[in-house]
Amino acid sequence: MKYLKMLINYIPLSSFIIFVVTDGITSIVAALAFIVSAGGLLINEKIKRSKGID
């Protein structure tokens, strides 16, 4: 019973840590997707301008 009470006390802390880590990973993935997308658009625009296509 003593171990069960100790385990129950750590559940909120562990769930908070899991939430923070997964939220951080999600934010990093979203930021990388934005950077890749913006880079692709800029490269595409540069290619269009160099070829003279409007």
C-alpha atoms as a PDB file:
ATOM      1  CA  MET A   1       0.000   0.000   0.000  1.00  0.00           C
ATOM      2  CA  LYS A   2       2.892   2.309   0.806  1.00  0.00           C
ATOM      3  CA  TYR A   3       4.343   1.860  -2.702  1.00  0.00           C
ATOM      4  CA  LEU A   4       0.950   2.429  -4.295  1.00  0.00           C
ATOM      5  CA  LYS A   5       0.551   5.776  -2.519  1.00  0.00           C
ATOM      6  CA  MET A   6       4.064   6.767  -3.563  1.00  0.00           C
ATOM      7  CA  LEU A   7       3.279   5.852  -7.175  1.00  0.00           C
ATOM      8  CA  ILE A   8       0.040   7.848  -7.154  1.00  0.00           C
ATOM      9  CA  ASN A   9       1.934  10.926  -5.930  1.00  0.00           C
ATOM     10  CA  TYR A  10       4.260  10.787  -8.965  1.00  0.00           C
ATOM     11  CA  ILE A  11       1.536  10.351 -11.634  1.00  0.00           C
ATOM     12  CA  PRO A  12       0.779  14.100 -12.006  1.00  0.00           C
ATOM     13  CA  LEU A  13       4.480  14.928 -12.251  1.00  0.00           C
ATOM     14  CA  SER A  14       5.164  12.247 -14.836  1.00  0.00           C
ATOM     15  CA  SER A  15       2.113  13.181 -16.910  1.00  0.00           C
ATOM     16  CA  PHE A  16       3.196  16.841 -16.835  1.00  0.00           C
ATOM     17  CA  ILE A  17       6.699  15.934 -17.989  1.00  0.00           C
ATOM     18  CA  ILE A  18       5.309  13.752 -20.788  1.00  0.00           C
ATOM     19  CA  PHE A  19       3.003  16.589 -21.873  1.00  0.00           C
ATOM     20  CA  VAL A  20       5.818  19.152 -21.909  1.00  0.00           C
ATOM     21  CA  VAL A  21       8.143  16.869 -23.885  1.00  0.00           C
ATOM     22  CA  THR A  22       5.514  15.925 -26.483  1.00  0.00           C
ATOM     23  CA  ASP A  23       4.399  19.543 -26.806  1.00  0.00           C
ATOM     24  CA  GLY A  24       7.985  20.614 -27.373  1.00  0.00           C
ATOM     25  CA  ILE A  25       8.517  17.913 -30.003  1.00  0.00           C
ATOM     26  CA  THR A  26       5.315  18.958 -31.767  1.00  0.00           C
ATOM     27  CA  SER A  27       6.429  22.601 -31.773  1.00  0.00           C
ATOM     28  CA  ILE A  28       9.845  21.718 -33.176  1.00  0.00           C
ATOM     29  CA  VAL A  29       8.300  19.607 -35.952  1.00  0.00           C
ATOM     30  CA  ALA A  30       5.883  22.416 -36.850  1.00  0.00           C
ATOM     31  CA  ALA A  31       8.710  24.965 -36.935  1.00  0.00           C
ATOM     32  CA  LEU A  32      10.844  22.718 -39.151  1.00  0.00           C
ATOM     33  CA  ALA A  33       7.915  22.150 -41.510  1.00  0.00           C
ATOM     34  CA  PHE A  34       7.410  25.908 -41.760  1.00  0.00           C
ATOM     35  CA  ILE A  35      11.103  26.525 -42.465  1.00  0.00           C
ATOM     36  CA  VAL A  36      11.228  23.835 -45.160  1.00  0.00           C
ATOM     37  CA  SER A  37       8.011  25.124 -46.745  1.00  0.00           C
ATOM     38  CA  ALA A  38       9.177  28.733 -46.754  1.00  0.00           C
ATOM     39  CA  GLY A  39      12.567  27.721 -48.126  1.00  0.00           C
ATOM     40  CA  GLY A  40      10.936  25.762 -50.913  1.00  0.00           C
ATOM     41  CA  LEU A  41       8.726  28.698 -51.834  1.00  0.00           C
ATOM     42  CA  LEU A  42      11.703  31.062 -51.903  1.00  0.00           C
ATOM     43  CA  ILE A  43      13.745  28.699 -54.060  1.00  0.00           C
ATOM     44  CA  ASN A  44      10.797  28.247 -56.428  1.00  0.00           C
ATOM     45  CA  GLU A  45      10.359  32.020 -56.698  1.00  0.00           C
ATOM     46  CA  LYS A  46      14.069  32.466 -57.376  1.00  0.00           C
ATOM     47  CA  ILE A  47      13.980  29.851 -60.153  1.00  0.00           C
ATOM     48  CA  LYS A  48      10.939  31.513 -61.731  1.00  0.00           C
ATOM     49  CA  ARG A  49      12.637  34.913 -61.700  1.00  0.00           C
ATOM     50  CA  SER A  50      15.843  33.594 -63.216  1.00  0.00           C
ATOM     51  CA  LYS A  51      13.903  31.932 -66.054  1.00  0.00           C
ATOM     52  CA  GLY A  52      11.788  35.040 -66.632  1.00  0.00           C
ATOM     53  CA  ILE A  53       8.497  33.254 -65.994  1.00  0.00           C
ATOM     54  CA  ASP A  54       5.780  35.350 -64.353  1.00  0.00           C
END
